C-alpha atoms as a PDB file:
ATOM      1  CA  MET A   1     -32.813 -10.466   0.376  1.00  0.00           C
ATOM      2  CA  ASN A   2     -34.636  -7.320  -0.628  1.00  0.00           C
ATOM      3  CA  PRO A   3     -33.523  -5.069  -3.503  1.00  0.00           C
ATOM      4  CA  THR A   4     -32.419  -2.247  -1.197  1.00  0.00           C
ATOM      5  CA  LYS A   5     -29.955  -4.458   0.675  1.00  0.00           C
ATOM      6  CA  THR A   6     -28.671  -5.917  -2.573  1.00  0.00           C
ATOM      7  CA  ALA A   7     -28.103  -2.459  -4.025  1.00  0.00           C
ATOM      8  CA  THR A   8     -26.252  -1.356  -0.890  1.00  0.00           C
ATOM      9  CA  ILE A   9     -24.033  -4.451  -0.947  1.00  0.00           C
ATOM     10  CA  LEU A  10     -23.201  -3.896  -4.614  1.00  0.00           C
ATOM     11  CA  ARG A  11     -22.335  -0.252  -3.956  1.00  0.00           C
ATOM     12  CA  LEU A  12     -19.993  -1.259  -1.123  1.00  0.00           C
ATOM     13  CA  VAL A  13     -18.315  -3.874  -3.323  1.00  0.00           C
ATOM     14  CA  GLY A  14     -17.894  -1.167  -5.967  1.00  0.00           C
ATOM     15  CA  ILE A  15     -16.187   1.064  -3.420  1.00  0.00           C
ATOM     16  CA  GLY A  16     -13.730  -1.721  -2.642  1.00  0.00           C
ATOM     17  CA  TRP A  17     -12.907  -2.162  -6.315  1.00  0.00           C
ATOM     18  CA  TYR A  18     -12.500   1.604  -6.719  1.00  0.00           C
ATOM     19  CA  VAL A  19      -9.983   1.722  -3.868  1.00  0.00           C
ATOM     20  CA  ALA A  20      -8.058  -1.255  -5.237  1.00  0.00           C
ATOM     21  CA  VAL A  21      -7.882   0.201  -8.764  1.00  0.00           C
ATOM     22  CA  CYS A  22      -6.757   3.623  -7.511  1.00  0.00           C
ATOM     23  CA  ILE A  23      -3.975   2.261  -5.323  1.00  0.00           C
ATOM     24  CA  GLY A  24      -2.879  -0.384  -7.823  1.00  0.00           C
ATOM     25  CA  GLY A  25      -3.028   1.998 -10.759  1.00  0.00           C
ATOM     26  CA  GLY A  26      -0.981   4.633  -8.968  1.00  0.00           C
ATOM     27  CA  SER A  27       1.602   2.093  -7.879  1.00  0.00           C
ATOM     28  CA  PHE A  28       1.947   0.438 -11.267  1.00  0.00           C
ATOM     29  CA  GLY A  29       2.021   3.794 -13.039  1.00  0.00           C
ATOM     30  CA  GLY A  30       4.804   4.946 -10.732  1.00  0.00           C
ATOM     31  CA  LEU A  31       6.673   1.692 -11.230  1.00  0.00           C
ATOM     32  CA  TRP A  32       6.435   2.095 -14.997  1.00  0.00           C
ATOM     33  CA  LEU A  33       7.770   5.661 -14.762  1.00  0.00           C
ATOM     34  CA  ASP A  34      10.619   4.485 -12.525  1.00  0.00           C
ATOM     35  CA  ARG A  35      11.612   1.875 -15.079  1.00  0.00           C
ATOM     36  CA  GLN A  36      11.490   4.435 -17.900  1.00  0.00           C
ATOM     37  CA  LEU A  37      13.496   7.086 -16.067  1.00  0.00           C
ATOM     38  CA  GLY A  38      15.672   4.945 -13.787  1.00  0.00           C
ATOM     39  CA  LEU A  39      14.607   6.755 -10.613  1.00  0.00           C
ATOM     40  CA  SER A  40      13.503   3.784  -8.518  1.00  0.00           C
ATOM     41  CA  PRO A  41      11.595   4.025  -6.061  1.00  0.00           C
ATOM     42  CA  LEU A  42      10.712   7.718  -6.387  1.00  0.00           C
ATOM     43  CA  PHE A  43       7.732   7.557  -8.729  1.00  0.00           C
ATOM     44  CA  THR A  44       6.483   4.288  -7.259  1.00  0.00           C
ATOM     45  CA  LEU A  45       6.118   6.015  -3.901  1.00  0.00           C
ATOM     46  CA  VAL A  46       4.626   9.138  -5.479  1.00  0.00           C
ATOM     47  CA  GLY A  47       2.147   7.003  -7.438  1.00  0.00           C
ATOM     48  CA  LEU A  48       1.246   5.073  -4.314  1.00  0.00           C
ATOM     49  CA  GLY A  49       0.682   8.317  -2.402  1.00  0.00           C
ATOM     50  CA  LEU A  50      -1.456   9.808  -5.156  1.00  0.00           C
ATOM     51  CA  GLY A  51      -3.410   6.575  -5.494  1.00  0.00           C
ATOM     52  CA  LEU A  52      -4.080   6.536  -1.763  1.00  0.00           C
ATOM     53  CA  ALA A  53      -5.186  10.173  -1.775  1.00  0.00           C
ATOM     54  CA  VAL A  54      -7.574   9.648  -4.692  1.00  0.00           C
ATOM     55  CA  ALA A  55      -8.869   6.414  -3.139  1.00  0.00           C
ATOM     56  CA  ILE A  56      -9.563   8.030   0.230  1.00  0.00           C
ATOM     57  CA  ALA A  57     -11.297  11.045  -1.301  1.00  0.00           C
ATOM     58  CA  GLY A  58     -13.419   8.909  -3.616  1.00  0.00           C
ATOM     59  CA  MET A  59     -14.211   6.378  -0.910  1.00  0.00           C
ATOM     60  CA  TYR A  60     -15.385   9.158   1.398  1.00  0.00           C
ATOM     61  CA  ARG A  61     -17.699  10.591  -1.255  1.00  0.00           C
ATOM     62  CA  MET A  62     -19.123   7.178  -2.136  1.00  0.00           C
ATOM     63  CA  LEU A  63     -19.634   6.167   1.499  1.00  0.00           C
ATOM     64  CA  MET A  64     -21.442   9.433   2.215  1.00  0.00           C
ATOM     65  CA  ALA A  65     -23.762   8.678  -0.716  1.00  0.00           C
ATOM     66  CA  VAL A  66     -24.421   5.168   0.623  1.00  0.00           C
ATOM     67  CA  LEU A  67     -25.037   6.389   4.161  1.00  0.00           C
ATOM     68  CA  SER A  68     -27.382   9.165   3.063  1.00  0.00           C
ATOM     69  CA  GLY A  69     -29.358   6.774   0.859  1.00  0.00           C
ATOM     70  CA  PRO A  70     -32.796   5.409   1.719  1.00  0.00           C
ATOM     71  CA  SER A  71     -32.928   3.515   5.003  1.00  0.00           C
ATOM     72  CA  GLU A  72     -35.231   0.722   6.051  1.00  0.00           C
END
């Protein structure tokens, strides 16, 4: 495998991790707030929504960078 393909694969794996961390972090942060304030499931859903929004925006930016990168 050539270095360009390896770099592209690693960037795509990084995008997957970014999405997972954003969604998981938002959900767990909302769950923690719900437990602190006793407002279940309000902040869990808000955290999930914010995590999804950040994940989609970041994923779009990263995919555009991958797609506009050097091609073989």
